[in-house]
N, C-alpha and C. Protein backbone atom coordinates (compact mmCIF):
# COMPACT_ATOMS: atom_id res chain seq x y z
N MET A 1 9.11 102.60 126.84
CA MET A 1 10.18 102.31 127.38
C MET A 1 11.06 101.44 126.63
N SER A 2 10.60 100.36 125.89
CA SER A 2 10.94 99.49 124.80
C SER A 2 11.76 100.22 124.03
N CYS A 3 11.21 101.12 123.31
CA CYS A 3 12.02 102.11 122.38
C CYS A 3 13.02 102.66 122.79
N GLU A 4 12.99 103.30 124.15
CA GLU A 4 14.35 103.76 124.59
C GLU A 4 15.33 103.03 124.83
N GLY A 5 15.12 101.60 125.37
CA GLY A 5 16.00 100.79 125.50
C GLY A 5 16.75 100.48 123.99
N ALA A 6 16.00 100.09 123.07
CA ALA A 6 16.60 99.76 121.90
C ALA A 6 17.56 100.85 121.53
N TYR A 7 17.18 102.00 121.71
CA TYR A 7 17.80 103.32 121.31
C TYR A 7 19.03 103.49 122.09
N VAL A 8 19.05 103.15 123.33
CA VAL A 8 20.18 103.12 124.12
C VAL A 8 21.32 102.15 123.74
N SER A 9 20.69 100.93 123.48
CA SER A 9 21.52 99.84 123.18
C SER A 9 22.26 100.30 121.70
N ARG A 10 21.72 100.80 120.75
CA ARG A 10 22.30 101.15 119.65
C ARG A 10 23.31 102.23 119.90
N VAL A 11 23.08 103.33 120.58
CA VAL A 11 24.35 104.27 121.10
C VAL A 11 25.34 103.69 121.76
N LEU A 12 25.10 102.65 122.62
CA LEU A 12 26.13 102.03 123.37
C LEU A 12 27.11 101.21 122.33
N ARG A 13 26.47 100.65 121.20
CA ARG A 13 27.14 99.79 120.34
C ARG A 13 28.16 100.57 119.74
N LYS A 14 27.72 101.99 119.31
CA LYS A 14 28.44 102.90 118.56
C LYS A 14 29.47 103.46 119.50
N LEU A 15 29.14 103.53 120.89
CA LEU A 15 30.03 104.33 121.64
C LEU A 15 30.95 103.25 122.61
N VAL A 16 31.12 102.38 122.11
CA VAL A 16 31.70 101.28 122.94
C VAL A 16 33.25 101.55 123.18
N ILE A 17 33.93 102.39 121.94
CA ILE A 17 35.15 102.77 122.25
C ILE A 17 35.30 104.13 123.02
N PRO A 18 34.66 105.14 122.79
CA PRO A 18 34.65 106.59 123.58
C PRO A 18 33.60 106.25 124.78
N THR A 19 34.15 105.36 125.86
CA THR A 19 33.15 105.51 127.05
C THR A 19 33.33 106.89 127.95
N THR A 20 34.19 107.50 127.65
CA THR A 20 34.45 108.90 128.42
C THR A 20 33.46 109.73 128.18
N THR A 21 32.67 109.88 126.86
CA THR A 21 31.72 110.56 126.55
C THR A 21 30.41 110.48 127.49
N THR A 22 30.13 109.24 127.51
CA THR A 22 28.91 108.84 128.46
C THR A 22 29.32 109.15 129.60
N THR A 23 30.49 109.20 130.53
CA THR A 23 30.57 109.50 131.59
C THR A 23 30.56 110.83 132.04
N THR A 24 31.02 111.67 130.92
CA THR A 24 30.92 113.25 130.82
C THR A 24 29.45 113.58 130.91
N THR A 25 28.59 113.16 130.31
CA THR A 25 27.19 113.44 130.04
C THR A 25 26.54 113.14 131.40
N THR A 26 26.96 112.21 132.27
CA THR A 26 26.34 111.76 133.44
C THR A 26 26.79 112.76 134.31
N THR A 27 27.94 113.32 134.42
CA THR A 27 28.47 114.16 135.43
C THR A 27 27.89 115.68 135.05
N THR A 28 27.73 115.96 133.75
CA THR A 28 27.03 117.24 133.60
C THR A 28 25.45 117.12 134.22
N THR A 29 24.91 116.19 134.10
CA THR A 29 23.40 115.97 134.41
C THR A 29 23.48 116.06 135.92
N THR A 30 24.34 115.40 136.66
CA THR A 30 24.16 115.66 138.16
C THR A 30 24.41 117.03 138.63
N THR A 31 25.63 117.65 137.71
CA THR A 31 26.02 118.78 138.47
C THR A 31 24.69 119.88 138.26
N THR A 32 23.87 119.82 137.16
CA THR A 32 22.77 120.75 136.97
C THR A 32 21.84 120.65 137.81
N THR A 33 21.54 119.37 138.34
CA THR A 33 20.53 118.86 139.28
C THR A 33 20.91 119.55 140.52
N THR A 34 22.30 119.45 141.07
CA THR A 34 22.56 119.98 142.24
C THR A 34 22.30 121.34 142.32
N THR A 35 22.81 122.09 141.17
CA THR A 35 22.59 123.60 141.07
C THR A 35 21.41 124.18 141.12
N THR A 36 20.28 123.32 140.72
CA THR A 36 18.78 123.66 140.77
C THR A 36 18.42 123.48 142.30
N THR A 37 18.83 122.52 143.08
CA THR A 37 18.40 122.43 144.28
C THR A 37 19.12 123.41 145.14
N THR A 38 20.58 123.70 144.90
CA THR A 38 20.96 124.74 145.82
C THR A 38 20.13 126.08 145.55
N THR A 39 19.87 126.52 144.35
CA THR A 39 19.12 127.69 144.15
C THR A 39 18.06 127.83 145.01
N THR A 40 17.02 126.51 144.67
CA THR A 40 15.92 126.58 145.56
C THR A 40 16.09 126.93 147.01
N THR A 41 17.20 126.31 147.71
CA THR A 41 17.28 126.42 149.10
C THR A 41 17.55 127.88 149.36
N ILE A 42 18.56 128.61 148.84
CA ILE A 42 18.65 129.88 148.62
C ILE A 42 17.52 130.82 148.76
N THR A 43 16.74 130.64 147.69
CA THR A 43 15.68 131.25 147.74
C THR A 43 14.53 131.04 148.94
N THR A 44 14.66 130.18 149.53
CA THR A 44 13.74 129.73 150.80
C THR A 44 14.14 130.69 152.00
N THR A 45 15.65 130.54 151.83
CA THR A 45 16.34 131.36 153.10
C THR A 45 16.13 132.77 153.04
N ASN A 46 16.39 133.24 151.77
CA ASN A 46 16.14 134.78 151.50
C ASN A 46 14.69 135.12 152.16
N GLN A 47 13.93 134.40 151.65
CA GLN A 47 12.37 134.87 151.82
C GLN A 47 12.21 134.94 153.69
N GLY A 48 12.63 133.89 154.24
CA GLY A 48 12.54 133.68 155.75
C GLY A 48 13.28 134.88 156.27
N ARG A 49 14.33 135.26 155.97
CA ARG A 49 15.17 136.41 156.38
C ARG A 49 14.40 137.74 156.09
N HIS A 50 13.69 137.84 155.28
CA HIS A 50 13.00 139.17 154.74
C HIS A 50 11.72 139.19 155.70
N ILE A 51 11.19 138.22 156.02
CA ILE A 51 10.00 138.33 156.77
C ILE A 51 10.45 138.48 158.39
N GLN A 52 11.45 137.88 158.82
CA GLN A 52 11.86 138.24 160.13
C GLN A 52 12.21 139.70 160.38
N PRO A 53 12.89 140.23 159.81
CA PRO A 53 12.98 141.89 160.17
C PRO A 53 11.79 142.49 160.13
N LEU A 54 10.66 142.12 159.19
CA LEU A 54 9.55 142.97 159.09
C LEU A 54 8.52 142.65 160.38
């Protein structure tokens, strides 16, 4: 964890001016997580619908 903190500090120092880059990365990560959760929910619903008609 200490190594990660030091690495982040170095990156932040280099990216003091382009703050937008950091924001974009965070947004992308959030979108990916949301997509994964949605896909899982759809799969569960489809299974339930298949079992009901049978």
